[in-house]
Every structure is written in structure tokens, then in C-alpha cells.
Amino acid sequence: MNIELESGAVRLARGQTLKIHDGAGHVVCAREGSVWITEENSRQDVVLEGGACFELHGDGLALVQAFSDAAVSIA
């Protein structure tokens, strides 16, 4: 996985996008707000509401975009 985070959640403003490279096996959790997740070469997009999580499957690029002000964590 090719991002660096300090402990806690990353805050995203409405419309802001977080790019994750090679994230297969990592779990993205929406701590607040709602986010849309799409992965390179996947036909499935996911919308997470606060409290929901999703495991990334691909080793390419994944985009996490905030539908509203949001906070996400990645483990």
C-alpha cells in the first residue's frame, strides 16, 4: 500500500478524493459522512455511510471520494 497516515481518520471535504495505490487487503472505514469507492478494473463501486467498512481487492488504483464532509480510516 502506498500512502502514509498518522493514527486516526483522514478528513475529506465534500468532493475531495483520496487516491490509494496497491491497497488490496486493506479496509477502508467511513467514520463520518458518506464516501464512494471505486477500484481500477472492478465493475463494483461501493458507497459507505458512517460506520460502514469495505475491503479493497485490487492492487491498482482505488479512489475514495467524499459525497459529504467525511472522515475515513484505513487499516
N, C-alpha and C. Protein backbone atom coordinates (compact mmCIF):
# COMPACT_ATOMS: atom_id res chain seq x y z
N MET A 1 0.86 -1.17 0.00
CA MET A 1 0.00 0.00 0.00
C MET A 1 0.90 1.23 0.00
N ASN A 2 0.52 2.24 -0.75
CA ASN A 2 1.42 3.35 -0.99
C ASN A 2 0.85 4.68 -0.48
N ILE A 3 0.45 4.74 0.81
CA ILE A 3 0.06 6.01 1.42
C ILE A 3 0.59 6.03 2.84
N GLU A 4 0.74 7.20 3.39
CA GLU A 4 1.18 7.32 4.77
C GLU A 4 0.13 8.09 5.55
N LEU A 5 -0.30 7.52 6.66
CA LEU A 5 -1.30 8.16 7.50
C LEU A 5 -0.83 8.16 8.94
N GLU A 6 -1.14 9.20 9.64
CA GLU A 6 -0.94 9.18 11.07
C GLU A 6 -2.15 8.48 11.67
N SER A 7 -2.04 8.06 12.92
CA SER A 7 -3.17 7.36 13.53
C SER A 7 -4.41 8.25 13.53
N GLY A 8 -5.56 7.62 13.42
CA GLY A 8 -6.81 8.35 13.37
C GLY A 8 -7.36 8.39 11.96
N ALA A 9 -8.31 9.25 11.74
CA ALA A 9 -9.00 9.31 10.47
C ALA A 9 -8.50 10.45 9.61
N VAL A 10 -8.65 10.27 8.31
CA VAL A 10 -8.35 11.32 7.33
C VAL A 10 -9.66 12.05 7.05
N ARG A 11 -9.64 13.36 7.15
CA ARG A 11 -10.84 14.14 6.88
C ARG A 11 -10.86 14.56 5.41
N LEU A 12 -12.01 14.36 4.78
CA LEU A 12 -12.21 14.75 3.39
C LEU A 12 -13.37 15.73 3.31
N ALA A 13 -13.17 16.83 2.61
CA ALA A 13 -14.26 17.77 2.35
C ALA A 13 -15.13 17.21 1.24
N ARG A 14 -16.37 17.64 1.18
CA ARG A 14 -17.28 17.19 0.13
C ARG A 14 -16.61 17.33 -1.24
N GLY A 15 -16.59 16.25 -2.02
CA GLY A 15 -16.00 16.26 -3.34
C GLY A 15 -14.52 15.95 -3.39
N GLN A 16 -13.84 15.93 -2.25
CA GLN A 16 -12.41 15.66 -2.21
C GLN A 16 -12.16 14.16 -2.41
N THR A 17 -11.05 13.83 -3.07
CA THR A 17 -10.73 12.45 -3.39
C THR A 17 -9.40 12.02 -2.78
N LEU A 18 -9.41 10.82 -2.21
CA LEU A 18 -8.20 10.19 -1.68
C LEU A 18 -7.82 9.08 -2.65
N LYS A 19 -6.56 9.06 -3.10
CA LYS A 19 -6.08 8.02 -4.01
C LYS A 19 -5.26 7.01 -3.22
N ILE A 20 -5.58 5.74 -3.43
CA ILE A 20 -4.86 4.66 -2.75
C ILE A 20 -4.29 3.74 -3.82
N HIS A 21 -2.98 3.53 -3.78
CA HIS A 21 -2.33 2.65 -4.73
C HIS A 21 -1.99 1.33 -4.04
N ASP A 22 -2.23 0.22 -4.72
CA ASP A 22 -1.86 -1.11 -4.22
C ASP A 22 -2.41 -1.38 -2.83
N GLY A 23 -3.70 -1.18 -2.65
CA GLY A 23 -4.33 -1.30 -1.34
C GLY A 23 -5.01 -2.63 -1.06
N ALA A 24 -4.83 -3.63 -1.92
CA ALA A 24 -5.52 -4.92 -1.75
C ALA A 24 -5.35 -5.45 -0.33
N GLY A 25 -6.47 -5.86 0.27
CA GLY A 25 -6.45 -6.42 1.62
C GLY A 25 -6.62 -5.40 2.72
N HIS A 26 -6.50 -4.12 2.41
CA HIS A 26 -6.70 -3.08 3.41
C HIS A 26 -8.19 -2.73 3.49
N VAL A 27 -8.60 -2.29 4.65
CA VAL A 27 -10.01 -1.99 4.89
C VAL A 27 -10.20 -0.48 5.06
N VAL A 28 -11.11 0.07 4.26
CA VAL A 28 -11.47 1.49 4.35
C VAL A 28 -12.77 1.58 5.14
N CYS A 29 -12.78 2.40 6.19
CA CYS A 29 -13.98 2.60 7.00
C CYS A 29 -14.39 4.06 6.96
N ALA A 30 -15.67 4.29 6.74
CA ALA A 30 -16.23 5.65 6.80
C ALA A 30 -16.57 5.92 8.26
N ARG A 31 -15.83 6.79 8.90
CA ARG A 31 -16.08 7.12 10.31
C ARG A 31 -17.18 8.16 10.44
N GLU A 32 -17.25 9.05 9.47
CA GLU A 32 -18.28 10.10 9.44
C GLU A 32 -18.64 10.36 7.98
N GLY A 33 -19.85 10.82 7.72
CA GLY A 33 -20.25 11.19 6.37
C GLY A 33 -20.43 9.98 5.47
N SER A 34 -20.40 10.23 4.17
CA SER A 34 -20.53 9.14 3.21
C SER A 34 -19.48 9.30 2.12
N VAL A 35 -18.96 8.17 1.65
CA VAL A 35 -17.92 8.16 0.63
C VAL A 35 -18.25 7.13 -0.44
N TRP A 36 -17.74 7.39 -1.63
CA TRP A 36 -17.85 6.48 -2.77
C TRP A 36 -16.47 5.90 -3.02
N ILE A 37 -16.40 4.58 -3.24
CA ILE A 37 -15.13 3.91 -3.52
C ILE A 37 -15.24 3.21 -4.86
N THR A 38 -14.24 3.42 -5.71
CA THR A 38 -14.14 2.68 -6.96
C THR A 38 -12.71 2.19 -7.10
N GLU A 39 -12.57 0.96 -7.62
CA GLU A 39 -11.25 0.37 -7.80
C GLU A 39 -10.98 0.12 -9.28
N GLU A 40 -9.75 0.33 -9.66
CA GLU A 40 -9.32 0.08 -11.03
C GLU A 40 -9.64 -1.36 -11.43
N ASN A 41 -10.17 -1.54 -12.63
CA ASN A 41 -10.50 -2.85 -13.19
C ASN A 41 -11.58 -3.59 -12.41
N SER A 42 -12.43 -2.89 -11.69
CA SER A 42 -13.55 -3.51 -10.98
C SER A 42 -14.85 -2.91 -11.50
N ARG A 43 -15.85 -3.74 -11.64
CA ARG A 43 -17.16 -3.25 -12.08
C ARG A 43 -18.02 -2.82 -10.90
N GLN A 44 -17.56 -3.08 -9.69
CA GLN A 44 -18.33 -2.79 -8.50
C GLN A 44 -17.85 -1.49 -7.84
N ASP A 45 -18.74 -0.53 -7.71
CA ASP A 45 -18.47 0.66 -6.91
C ASP A 45 -19.22 0.49 -5.59
N VAL A 46 -18.72 1.14 -4.56
CA VAL A 46 -19.30 0.99 -3.23
C VAL A 46 -19.55 2.37 -2.64
N VAL A 47 -20.67 2.54 -1.97
CA VAL A 47 -20.95 3.74 -1.19
C VAL A 47 -21.00 3.33 0.27
N LEU A 48 -20.19 4.00 1.08
CA LEU A 48 -20.17 3.72 2.51
C LEU A 48 -20.78 4.89 3.27
N GLU A 49 -21.65 4.58 4.20
CA GLU A 49 -22.18 5.57 5.14
C GLU A 49 -21.39 5.43 6.43
N GLY A 50 -21.44 6.44 7.29
CA GLY A 50 -20.72 6.42 8.55
C GLY A 50 -20.88 5.11 9.30
N GLY A 51 -19.76 4.51 9.68
CA GLY A 51 -19.76 3.25 10.42
C GLY A 51 -19.56 2.02 9.56
N ALA A 52 -19.68 2.15 8.23
CA ALA A 52 -19.52 1.00 7.34
C ALA A 52 -18.07 0.90 6.85
N CYS A 53 -17.66 -0.33 6.50
CA CYS A 53 -16.30 -0.58 6.03
C CYS A 53 -16.32 -1.42 4.76
N PHE A 54 -15.22 -1.37 4.01
CA PHE A 54 -15.08 -2.14 2.78
C PHE A 54 -13.62 -2.54 2.60
N GLU A 55 -13.40 -3.83 2.25
CA GLU A 55 -12.04 -4.31 2.00
C GLU A 55 -11.70 -4.11 0.53
N LEU A 56 -10.56 -3.49 0.27
CA LEU A 56 -10.09 -3.29 -1.09
C LEU A 56 -9.58 -4.61 -1.65
N HIS A 57 -9.84 -4.84 -2.95
CA HIS A 57 -9.47 -6.12 -3.56
C HIS A 57 -8.37 -6.00 -4.59
N GLY A 58 -8.26 -4.87 -5.24
CA GLY A 58 -7.32 -4.74 -6.35
C GLY A 58 -5.99 -4.14 -5.93
N ASP A 59 -4.95 -4.45 -6.74
CA ASP A 59 -3.63 -3.88 -6.49
C ASP A 59 -3.38 -2.61 -7.29
N GLY A 60 -4.37 -2.16 -8.06
CA GLY A 60 -4.22 -0.93 -8.83
C GLY A 60 -4.63 0.28 -8.00
N LEU A 61 -5.19 1.25 -8.67
CA LEU A 61 -5.63 2.49 -8.04
C LEU A 61 -7.06 2.36 -7.50
N ALA A 62 -7.27 2.81 -6.29
CA ALA A 62 -8.62 2.92 -5.71
C ALA A 62 -8.85 4.39 -5.38
N LEU A 63 -10.05 4.87 -5.67
CA LEU A 63 -10.42 6.24 -5.34
C LEU A 63 -11.49 6.24 -4.27
N VAL A 64 -11.31 7.09 -3.28
CA VAL A 64 -12.30 7.28 -2.22
C VAL A 64 -12.72 8.74 -2.29
N GLN A 65 -13.97 9.00 -2.68
CA GLN A 65 -14.44 10.38 -2.84
C GLN A 65 -15.57 10.66 -1.85
N ALA A 66 -15.49 11.81 -1.21
CA ALA A 66 -16.49 12.19 -0.20
C ALA A 66 -17.74 12.76 -0.86
N PHE A 67 -18.91 12.17 -0.56
CA PHE A 67 -20.18 12.72 -1.01
C PHE A 67 -20.59 13.91 -0.13
N SER A 68 -20.15 13.87 1.11
CA SER A 68 -20.36 14.94 2.08
C SER A 68 -19.07 15.05 2.87
N ASP A 69 -18.93 16.05 3.73
CA ASP A 69 -17.75 16.09 4.58
C ASP A 69 -17.67 14.75 5.29
N ALA A 70 -16.47 14.14 5.28
CA ALA A 70 -16.35 12.78 5.78
C ALA A 70 -15.01 12.58 6.49
N ALA A 71 -14.94 11.49 7.22
CA ALA A 71 -13.68 11.04 7.83
C ALA A 71 -13.58 9.56 7.54
N VAL A 72 -12.40 9.12 7.06
CA VAL A 72 -12.18 7.72 6.76
C VAL A 72 -10.92 7.24 7.44
N SER A 73 -10.89 5.96 7.76
CA SER A 73 -9.68 5.35 8.27
C SER A 73 -9.35 4.17 7.37
N ILE A 74 -8.07 3.81 7.33
CA ILE A 74 -7.61 2.70 6.50
C ILE A 74 -6.72 1.83 7.36
N ALA A 75 -7.05 0.55 7.38
CA ALA A 75 -6.25 -0.39 8.20
C ALA A 75 -5.85 -1.59 7.35
